[in-house]
N, C-alpha and C. Protein backbone atom coordinates (compact mmCIF):
# COMPACT_ATOMS: atom_id res chain seq x y z
N UNK A 1 49.57 75.21 36.68
CA UNK A 1 48.26 74.65 36.36
C UNK A 1 48.39 73.14 36.15
N UNK A 2 47.48 72.42 36.72
CA UNK A 2 47.51 70.95 36.66
C UNK A 2 47.11 70.45 35.28
N UNK A 3 47.87 69.50 34.75
CA UNK A 3 47.61 68.91 33.44
C UNK A 3 46.35 68.04 33.50
N UNK A 4 45.55 68.09 32.44
CA UNK A 4 44.36 67.24 32.41
C UNK A 4 44.78 65.77 32.31
N UNK A 5 43.90 64.88 32.73
CA UNK A 5 44.22 63.46 32.85
C UNK A 5 44.55 62.82 31.49
N UNK A 6 43.84 63.19 30.43
CA UNK A 6 44.11 62.58 29.13
C UNK A 6 45.52 62.90 28.67
N UNK A 7 45.91 64.17 28.73
CA UNK A 7 47.27 64.53 28.31
C UNK A 7 48.33 63.97 29.26
N UNK A 8 47.99 63.81 30.51
CA UNK A 8 48.89 63.15 31.47
C UNK A 8 49.19 61.72 31.00
N UNK A 9 48.14 60.97 30.69
CA UNK A 9 48.35 59.59 30.22
C UNK A 9 49.04 59.56 28.86
N UNK A 10 48.73 60.50 27.99
CA UNK A 10 49.41 60.56 26.69
C UNK A 10 50.89 60.87 26.87
N UNK A 11 51.24 61.70 27.85
CA UNK A 11 52.65 61.97 28.14
C UNK A 11 53.37 60.70 28.60
N UNK A 12 52.68 59.89 29.39
CA UNK A 12 53.28 58.63 29.83
C UNK A 12 53.47 57.69 28.63
N UNK A 13 52.48 57.62 27.74
CA UNK A 13 52.63 56.80 26.53
C UNK A 13 53.80 57.30 25.68
N UNK A 14 54.01 58.62 25.66
CA UNK A 14 55.13 59.18 24.92
C UNK A 14 56.46 58.77 25.56
N UNK A 15 56.50 58.71 26.87
CA UNK A 15 57.71 58.25 27.56
C UNK A 15 57.98 56.78 27.24
N UNK A 16 56.93 55.97 27.18
CA UNK A 16 57.07 54.56 26.79
C UNK A 16 57.60 54.47 25.36
N UNK A 17 57.13 55.37 24.49
CA UNK A 17 57.57 55.40 23.10
C UNK A 17 59.08 55.56 22.98
N UNK A 18 59.69 56.21 23.93
CA UNK A 18 61.14 56.45 23.86
C UNK A 18 61.95 55.15 23.89
N UNK A 19 61.31 54.03 24.23
CA UNK A 19 61.97 52.72 24.20
C UNK A 19 61.88 52.05 22.82
N UNK A 20 61.12 52.62 21.90
CA UNK A 20 60.94 52.05 20.57
C UNK A 20 62.27 51.91 19.85
N UNK A 21 62.37 50.87 19.04
CA UNK A 21 63.59 50.61 18.28
C UNK A 21 63.40 50.76 16.78
N UNK A 22 62.26 51.32 16.38
CA UNK A 22 61.96 51.51 14.96
C UNK A 22 62.76 52.68 14.40
N UNK A 23 63.20 52.54 13.17
CA UNK A 23 63.96 53.60 12.51
C UNK A 23 63.06 54.56 11.73
N UNK A 24 61.78 54.27 11.66
CA UNK A 24 60.85 55.03 10.84
C UNK A 24 59.86 55.85 11.66
N UNK A 25 59.08 55.15 12.46
CA UNK A 25 58.08 55.78 13.32
C UNK A 25 58.09 55.07 14.66
N UNK A 26 58.04 55.85 15.72
CA UNK A 26 58.07 55.27 17.05
C UNK A 26 56.73 55.50 17.74
N UNK A 27 56.22 54.43 18.35
CA UNK A 27 54.93 54.49 19.03
C UNK A 27 55.06 53.96 20.45
N UNK A 28 54.26 54.53 21.33
CA UNK A 28 54.14 54.05 22.69
C UNK A 28 52.67 53.96 23.04
N UNK A 29 52.32 52.92 23.80
CA UNK A 29 50.93 52.72 24.19
C UNK A 29 50.87 52.35 25.66
N UNK A 30 49.82 52.81 26.31
CA UNK A 30 49.52 52.34 27.66
C UNK A 30 48.04 52.00 27.71
N UNK A 31 47.72 51.05 28.56
CA UNK A 31 46.32 50.69 28.78
C UNK A 31 45.99 51.05 30.22
N UNK A 32 44.90 51.79 30.38
CA UNK A 32 44.48 52.28 31.69
C UNK A 32 43.06 51.77 31.97
N UNK A 33 42.88 51.27 33.17
CA UNK A 33 41.53 50.85 33.60
C UNK A 33 41.34 51.31 35.04
N UNK A 34 40.21 51.89 35.30
CA UNK A 34 39.90 52.40 36.65
C UNK A 34 40.99 53.33 37.16
N UNK A 35 41.49 54.17 36.25
CA UNK A 35 42.50 55.18 36.58
C UNK A 35 43.83 54.58 37.06
N UNK A 36 44.13 53.37 36.62
CA UNK A 36 45.41 52.72 36.92
C UNK A 36 46.02 52.20 35.63
N UNK A 37 47.31 52.41 35.47
CA UNK A 37 48.01 51.87 34.30
C UNK A 37 48.17 50.37 34.49
N UNK A 38 47.64 49.62 33.53
CA UNK A 38 47.66 48.16 33.60
C UNK A 38 48.82 47.60 32.80
N UNK A 39 49.14 48.27 31.68
CA UNK A 39 50.12 47.70 30.77
C UNK A 39 50.71 48.79 29.88
N UNK A 40 51.92 48.52 29.39
CA UNK A 40 52.57 49.44 28.44
C UNK A 40 53.13 48.64 27.28
N UNK A 41 53.38 49.32 26.17
CA UNK A 41 54.02 48.67 25.02
C UNK A 41 54.59 49.71 24.07
N UNK A 42 55.63 49.32 23.38
CA UNK A 42 56.23 50.16 22.34
C UNK A 42 56.56 49.26 21.16
N UNK A 43 56.78 49.86 19.98
CA UNK A 43 57.05 49.04 18.81
C UNK A 43 58.53 48.66 18.76
N UNK A 44 58.75 47.38 18.51
CA UNK A 44 60.10 46.83 18.42
C UNK A 44 60.03 45.37 18.01
N UNK A 45 61.17 44.79 17.68
CA UNK A 45 61.24 43.40 17.23
C UNK A 45 60.81 42.45 18.36
N UNK A 46 60.34 41.26 18.00
CA UNK A 46 59.98 40.27 19.03
C UNK A 46 61.19 39.96 19.92
N UNK A 47 60.90 39.58 21.14
CA UNK A 47 61.95 39.27 22.12
C UNK A 47 62.97 38.30 21.52
N UNK A 48 64.24 38.62 21.72
CA UNK A 48 65.31 37.75 21.26
C UNK A 48 65.79 38.03 19.84
N UNK A 49 64.99 38.75 19.07
CA UNK A 49 65.40 39.09 17.70
C UNK A 49 66.06 40.45 17.69
N UNK A 50 66.90 40.68 16.69
CA UNK A 50 67.57 41.98 16.57
C UNK A 50 66.56 43.04 16.16
N UNK A 51 66.71 44.20 16.77
CA UNK A 51 65.86 45.35 16.45
C UNK A 51 66.42 46.07 15.23
N UNK A 52 65.57 46.84 14.58
CA UNK A 52 66.00 47.61 13.41
C UNK A 52 67.14 48.55 13.75
N UNK A 53 67.08 49.18 14.93
CA UNK A 53 68.17 50.10 15.27
C UNK A 53 69.48 49.35 15.56
N UNK A 54 69.40 48.04 15.84
CA UNK A 54 70.60 47.22 16.00
C UNK A 54 71.23 46.88 14.65
N UNK A 55 70.36 46.57 13.68
CA UNK A 55 70.90 46.17 12.37
C UNK A 55 71.08 47.37 11.43
N UNK A 56 70.49 48.49 11.80
CA UNK A 56 70.71 49.73 11.07
C UNK A 56 69.93 49.89 9.78
N UNK A 57 68.87 49.11 9.62
CA UNK A 57 68.07 49.25 8.41
C UNK A 57 66.62 48.85 8.65
N UNK A 58 65.76 49.41 7.82
CA UNK A 58 64.33 49.11 7.84
C UNK A 58 63.95 48.63 6.45
N UNK A 59 63.49 47.41 6.34
CA UNK A 59 63.14 46.85 5.03
C UNK A 59 62.05 47.67 4.34
N UNK A 60 61.06 48.11 5.09
CA UNK A 60 59.97 48.89 4.50
C UNK A 60 60.46 50.24 4.00
N UNK A 61 61.43 50.83 4.70
CA UNK A 61 62.01 52.10 4.28
C UNK A 61 62.84 51.92 3.01
N UNK A 62 63.67 50.87 2.98
CA UNK A 62 64.52 50.59 1.82
C UNK A 62 63.66 50.36 0.58
N UNK A 63 62.53 49.67 0.76
CA UNK A 63 61.64 49.35 -0.36
C UNK A 63 60.62 50.46 -0.65
N UNK A 64 60.71 51.58 0.10
CA UNK A 64 59.80 52.73 -0.08
C UNK A 64 58.33 52.33 0.03
N UNK A 65 58.02 51.49 1.01
CA UNK A 65 56.66 51.02 1.20
C UNK A 65 55.89 52.06 2.01
N UNK A 66 54.75 52.51 1.50
CA UNK A 66 53.97 53.53 2.21
C UNK A 66 53.40 53.00 3.53
N UNK A 67 53.08 53.95 4.40
CA UNK A 67 52.46 53.63 5.68
C UNK A 67 51.17 52.84 5.44
N UNK A 68 50.97 51.83 6.25
CA UNK A 68 49.74 51.05 6.17
C UNK A 68 49.79 49.89 5.20
N UNK A 69 50.93 49.66 4.57
CA UNK A 69 51.04 48.56 3.61
C UNK A 69 52.19 47.63 3.97
N UNK A 70 52.02 46.37 3.63
CA UNK A 70 53.06 45.34 3.72
C UNK A 70 53.68 45.20 5.11
N UNK A 71 52.83 45.19 6.13
CA UNK A 71 53.32 45.06 7.50
C UNK A 71 54.08 43.75 7.72
N UNK A 72 53.84 42.76 6.89
CA UNK A 72 54.54 41.49 7.07
C UNK A 72 56.05 41.62 6.85
N UNK A 73 56.49 42.71 6.21
CA UNK A 73 57.92 42.95 6.00
C UNK A 73 58.57 43.67 7.18
N UNK A 74 57.76 44.12 8.10
CA UNK A 74 58.26 44.88 9.26
C UNK A 74 58.72 43.91 10.34
N UNK A 75 59.84 44.21 10.97
CA UNK A 75 60.37 43.38 12.07
C UNK A 75 59.63 43.61 13.38
N UNK A 76 58.93 44.72 13.49
CA UNK A 76 58.36 45.14 14.78
C UNK A 76 57.00 44.54 15.09
N UNK A 77 56.77 44.41 16.39
CA UNK A 77 55.44 44.18 16.93
C UNK A 77 54.96 45.57 17.33
N UNK A 78 53.73 45.91 16.97
CA UNK A 78 53.21 47.24 17.24
C UNK A 78 53.03 47.49 18.73
N UNK A 79 53.08 48.77 19.11
CA UNK A 79 52.97 49.17 20.51
C UNK A 79 51.66 48.68 21.14
N UNK A 80 50.56 48.83 20.39
CA UNK A 80 49.26 48.41 20.90
C UNK A 80 49.25 46.91 21.18
N UNK A 81 49.80 46.14 20.24
CA UNK A 81 49.86 44.68 20.40
C UNK A 81 50.72 44.31 21.61
N UNK A 82 51.86 44.96 21.76
CA UNK A 82 52.72 44.67 22.91
C UNK A 82 52.04 45.00 24.23
N UNK A 83 51.28 46.09 24.28
CA UNK A 83 50.57 46.44 25.51
C UNK A 83 49.50 45.39 25.82
N UNK A 84 48.80 44.92 24.79
CA UNK A 84 47.76 43.90 24.99
C UNK A 84 48.39 42.58 25.42
N UNK A 85 49.49 42.19 24.77
CA UNK A 85 50.18 40.94 25.11
C UNK A 85 50.63 40.93 26.56
N UNK A 86 51.01 42.10 27.08
CA UNK A 86 51.56 42.19 28.43
C UNK A 86 50.51 42.25 29.53
N UNK A 87 49.25 42.14 29.17
CA UNK A 87 48.18 42.26 30.16
C UNK A 87 47.22 41.08 30.07
N UNK A 88 46.60 40.78 31.17
CA UNK A 88 45.53 39.79 31.19
C UNK A 88 44.24 40.47 30.70
N UNK A 89 43.44 39.76 29.91
CA UNK A 89 42.22 40.35 29.37
C UNK A 89 41.31 40.87 30.47
N UNK A 90 41.22 40.14 31.57
CA UNK A 90 40.34 40.56 32.67
C UNK A 90 40.77 41.91 33.25
N UNK A 91 42.05 42.25 33.11
CA UNK A 91 42.55 43.51 33.66
C UNK A 91 42.37 44.70 32.72
N UNK A 92 42.17 44.43 31.43
CA UNK A 92 42.03 45.54 30.47
C UNK A 92 40.61 45.68 29.92
N UNK A 93 39.75 44.73 30.25
CA UNK A 93 38.37 44.75 29.79
C UNK A 93 37.69 46.06 30.20
N UNK A 94 37.23 46.82 29.21
CA UNK A 94 36.58 48.10 29.47
C UNK A 94 37.55 49.26 29.65
N UNK A 95 38.84 48.99 29.48
CA UNK A 95 39.85 50.02 29.67
C UNK A 95 40.02 50.94 28.47
N UNK A 96 40.96 51.86 28.60
CA UNK A 96 41.29 52.83 27.55
C UNK A 96 42.74 52.63 27.14
N UNK A 97 42.99 52.60 25.84
CA UNK A 97 44.35 52.53 25.31
C UNK A 97 44.74 53.93 24.84
N UNK A 98 45.89 54.41 25.32
CA UNK A 98 46.44 55.70 24.91
C UNK A 98 47.61 55.42 23.99
N UNK A 99 47.66 56.11 22.85
CA UNK A 99 48.67 55.84 21.83
C UNK A 99 49.31 57.15 21.36
N UNK A 100 50.65 57.14 21.30
CA UNK A 100 51.41 58.30 20.83
C UNK A 100 52.41 57.83 19.80
N UNK A 101 52.52 58.57 18.69
CA UNK A 101 53.51 58.27 17.67
C UNK A 101 54.31 59.51 17.30
N UNK A 102 55.58 59.29 16.99
CA UNK A 102 56.45 60.38 16.54
C UNK A 102 57.26 59.90 15.34
N UNK A 103 57.54 60.82 14.43
CA UNK A 103 58.43 60.54 13.29
C UNK A 103 59.87 60.51 13.80
N UNK A 104 60.64 59.52 13.37
CA UNK A 104 62.01 59.40 13.85
C UNK A 104 62.86 60.56 13.37
N UNK A 105 62.74 60.94 12.13
CA UNK A 105 63.59 61.99 11.57
C UNK A 105 63.43 63.34 12.21
N UNK A 106 62.20 63.71 12.54
CA UNK A 106 61.93 65.06 13.06
C UNK A 106 61.56 65.09 14.54
N UNK A 107 61.07 63.98 15.06
CA UNK A 107 60.58 63.95 16.43
C UNK A 107 59.19 64.52 16.57
N UNK A 108 58.59 64.94 15.45
CA UNK A 108 57.25 65.52 15.47
C UNK A 108 56.20 64.45 15.79
N UNK A 109 55.14 64.88 16.48
CA UNK A 109 54.00 63.99 16.69
C UNK A 109 53.40 63.64 15.34
N UNK A 110 52.94 62.42 15.19
CA UNK A 110 52.27 61.99 13.97
C UNK A 110 50.79 62.34 14.10
N UNK A 111 50.36 63.31 13.33
CA UNK A 111 48.99 63.82 13.45
C UNK A 111 47.94 62.81 12.99
N UNK A 112 48.38 61.78 12.27
CA UNK A 112 47.44 60.77 11.78
C UNK A 112 47.53 59.46 12.58
N UNK A 113 48.03 59.54 13.80
CA UNK A 113 48.17 58.34 14.63
C UNK A 113 46.83 57.68 14.85
N UNK A 114 46.78 56.40 14.52
CA UNK A 114 45.61 55.55 14.76
C UNK A 114 46.08 54.10 14.63
N UNK A 115 45.48 53.18 15.35
CA UNK A 115 45.87 51.78 15.20
C UNK A 115 45.59 51.27 13.79
N UNK A 116 46.46 50.39 13.31
CA UNK A 116 46.26 49.75 12.00
C UNK A 116 45.09 48.77 12.11
N UNK A 117 44.67 48.22 10.99
CA UNK A 117 43.50 47.33 11.00
C UNK A 117 43.74 46.07 11.82
N UNK A 118 44.96 45.55 11.82
CA UNK A 118 45.25 44.36 12.64
C UNK A 118 45.19 44.70 14.13
N UNK A 119 45.77 45.83 14.52
CA UNK A 119 45.73 46.23 15.93
C UNK A 119 44.30 46.55 16.36
N UNK A 120 43.50 47.09 15.46
CA UNK A 120 42.09 47.34 15.79
C UNK A 120 41.39 46.05 16.16
N UNK A 121 41.68 44.99 15.41
CA UNK A 121 41.07 43.69 15.72
C UNK A 121 41.50 43.20 17.09
N UNK A 122 42.78 43.36 17.41
CA UNK A 122 43.28 42.96 18.73
C UNK A 122 42.62 43.77 19.83
N UNK A 123 42.48 45.08 19.61
CA UNK A 123 41.86 45.97 20.59
C UNK A 123 40.40 45.56 20.83
N UNK A 124 39.69 45.27 19.75
CA UNK A 124 38.29 44.83 19.88
C UNK A 124 38.22 43.55 20.70
N UNK A 125 39.03 42.55 20.35
CA UNK A 125 38.98 41.27 21.05
C UNK A 125 39.48 41.36 22.49
N UNK A 126 40.36 42.30 22.77
CA UNK A 126 40.86 42.47 24.14
C UNK A 126 39.79 43.07 25.05
N UNK A 127 38.75 43.64 24.46
CA UNK A 127 37.67 44.23 25.26
C UNK A 127 37.95 45.66 25.68
N UNK A 128 38.93 46.30 25.05
CA UNK A 128 39.20 47.71 25.33
C UNK A 128 38.03 48.52 24.78
N UNK A 129 37.61 49.54 25.52
CA UNK A 129 36.40 50.27 25.12
C UNK A 129 36.67 51.59 24.41
N UNK A 130 37.91 52.10 24.52
CA UNK A 130 38.19 53.44 24.00
C UNK A 130 39.67 53.54 23.64
N UNK A 131 39.97 54.27 22.55
CA UNK A 131 41.35 54.54 22.17
C UNK A 131 41.51 56.05 22.01
N UNK A 132 42.54 56.58 22.67
CA UNK A 132 42.84 58.01 22.57
C UNK A 132 44.24 58.13 21.96
N UNK A 133 44.33 58.85 20.84
CA UNK A 133 45.58 58.99 20.10
C UNK A 133 46.02 60.45 20.11
N UNK A 134 47.27 60.69 20.46
CA UNK A 134 47.80 62.06 20.42
C UNK A 134 47.98 62.45 18.96
N UNK A 135 47.50 63.63 18.60
CA UNK A 135 47.63 64.14 17.24
C UNK A 135 48.45 65.43 17.18
N UNK A 136 48.82 65.96 18.34
CA UNK A 136 49.62 67.18 18.45
C UNK A 136 50.06 67.34 19.89
N UNK A 137 50.71 68.44 20.18
CA UNK A 137 51.27 68.65 21.53
C UNK A 137 50.24 68.42 22.63
N UNK A 138 49.05 68.99 22.50
CA UNK A 138 47.98 68.80 23.48
C UNK A 138 46.67 68.42 22.81
N UNK A 139 46.76 67.94 21.57
CA UNK A 139 45.57 67.54 20.82
C UNK A 139 45.51 66.02 20.74
N UNK A 140 44.29 65.52 20.63
CA UNK A 140 44.12 64.07 20.56
C UNK A 140 42.79 63.73 19.90
N UNK A 141 42.71 62.50 19.41
CA UNK A 141 41.44 61.96 18.92
C UNK A 141 40.96 60.95 19.96
N UNK A 142 39.67 60.79 20.06
CA UNK A 142 39.07 59.92 21.06
C UNK A 142 38.04 59.06 20.34
N UNK A 143 38.26 57.75 20.33
CA UNK A 143 37.39 56.85 19.59
C UNK A 143 36.80 55.79 20.51
N UNK A 144 35.50 55.63 20.45
CA UNK A 144 34.84 54.52 21.14
C UNK A 144 34.93 53.30 20.23
N UNK A 145 35.34 52.18 20.78
CA UNK A 145 35.58 50.98 19.99
C UNK A 145 34.30 50.46 19.34
N UNK A 146 33.16 50.73 19.92
CA UNK A 146 31.90 50.34 19.29
C UNK A 146 31.79 50.89 17.87
N UNK A 147 32.41 52.07 17.62
CA UNK A 147 32.40 52.65 16.27
C UNK A 147 33.14 51.74 15.30
N UNK A 148 34.27 51.17 15.71
CA UNK A 148 35.03 50.27 14.84
C UNK A 148 34.26 48.98 14.57
N UNK A 149 33.51 48.54 15.57
CA UNK A 149 32.73 47.32 15.39
C UNK A 149 31.62 47.57 14.37
N UNK A 150 30.93 48.70 14.50
CA UNK A 150 29.84 49.03 13.57
C UNK A 150 30.35 49.36 12.17
N UNK A 151 31.48 50.08 12.09
CA UNK A 151 32.06 50.46 10.80
C UNK A 151 33.17 49.47 10.46
N UNK A 152 32.80 48.26 10.14
CA UNK A 152 33.73 47.15 9.92
C UNK A 152 34.60 47.40 8.70
N UNK A 153 35.85 47.84 8.93
CA UNK A 153 36.76 48.16 7.82
C UNK A 153 37.16 46.94 7.00
N UNK A 154 37.01 45.74 7.55
CA UNK A 154 37.38 44.54 6.79
C UNK A 154 36.35 44.25 5.69
N UNK A 155 35.16 44.81 5.80
CA UNK A 155 34.15 44.62 4.75
C UNK A 155 34.42 45.50 3.55
N UNK A 156 35.17 46.59 3.73
CA UNK A 156 35.48 47.47 2.62
C UNK A 156 36.29 46.76 1.53
N UNK A 157 37.17 45.84 1.93
CA UNK A 157 37.95 45.08 0.96
C UNK A 157 37.05 44.22 0.09
N UNK A 158 35.98 43.70 0.67
CA UNK A 158 35.04 42.89 -0.11
C UNK A 158 34.28 43.76 -1.10
N UNK A 159 33.97 44.98 -0.69
CA UNK A 159 33.25 45.91 -1.56
C UNK A 159 34.10 46.31 -2.76
N UNK A 160 35.42 46.30 -2.58
CA UNK A 160 36.34 46.70 -3.66
C UNK A 160 36.53 45.61 -4.70
N UNK A 161 36.10 44.39 -4.38
CA UNK A 161 36.30 43.28 -5.33
C UNK A 161 35.36 43.34 -6.50
């Protein structure tokens, strides 16, 4: 039986993820427009810098920093950001970003995979129209970027003040 197109693209993003150098969570992303892969990215240190798997430690792991906090201590550029950096805006405008994450220790899919708030801003500005995140073997979430624009998460911080 032929695999559906969404899971096909998510499988490719998972293959891209295998290049990740993170010791904590590994992510792979691809951007597709008009049924063609335009760009790929995985999380790892900026070009020329040592990766976490090279130095054998993760600062956020050592400091027990929870997911979603203190990204400035992380050596990696996120998979979504790397995929956007590797493409021209005109080529990804209106495209779909596929994202897959796995836990390093178990290899399990991360059921809560979603772009962080900084990557969401990049995705919005890149003109990507949809993000599909794998949440299980053949399960995924599908988000229209207009929802992120309308539900501005950066305003929540102001409400908390």
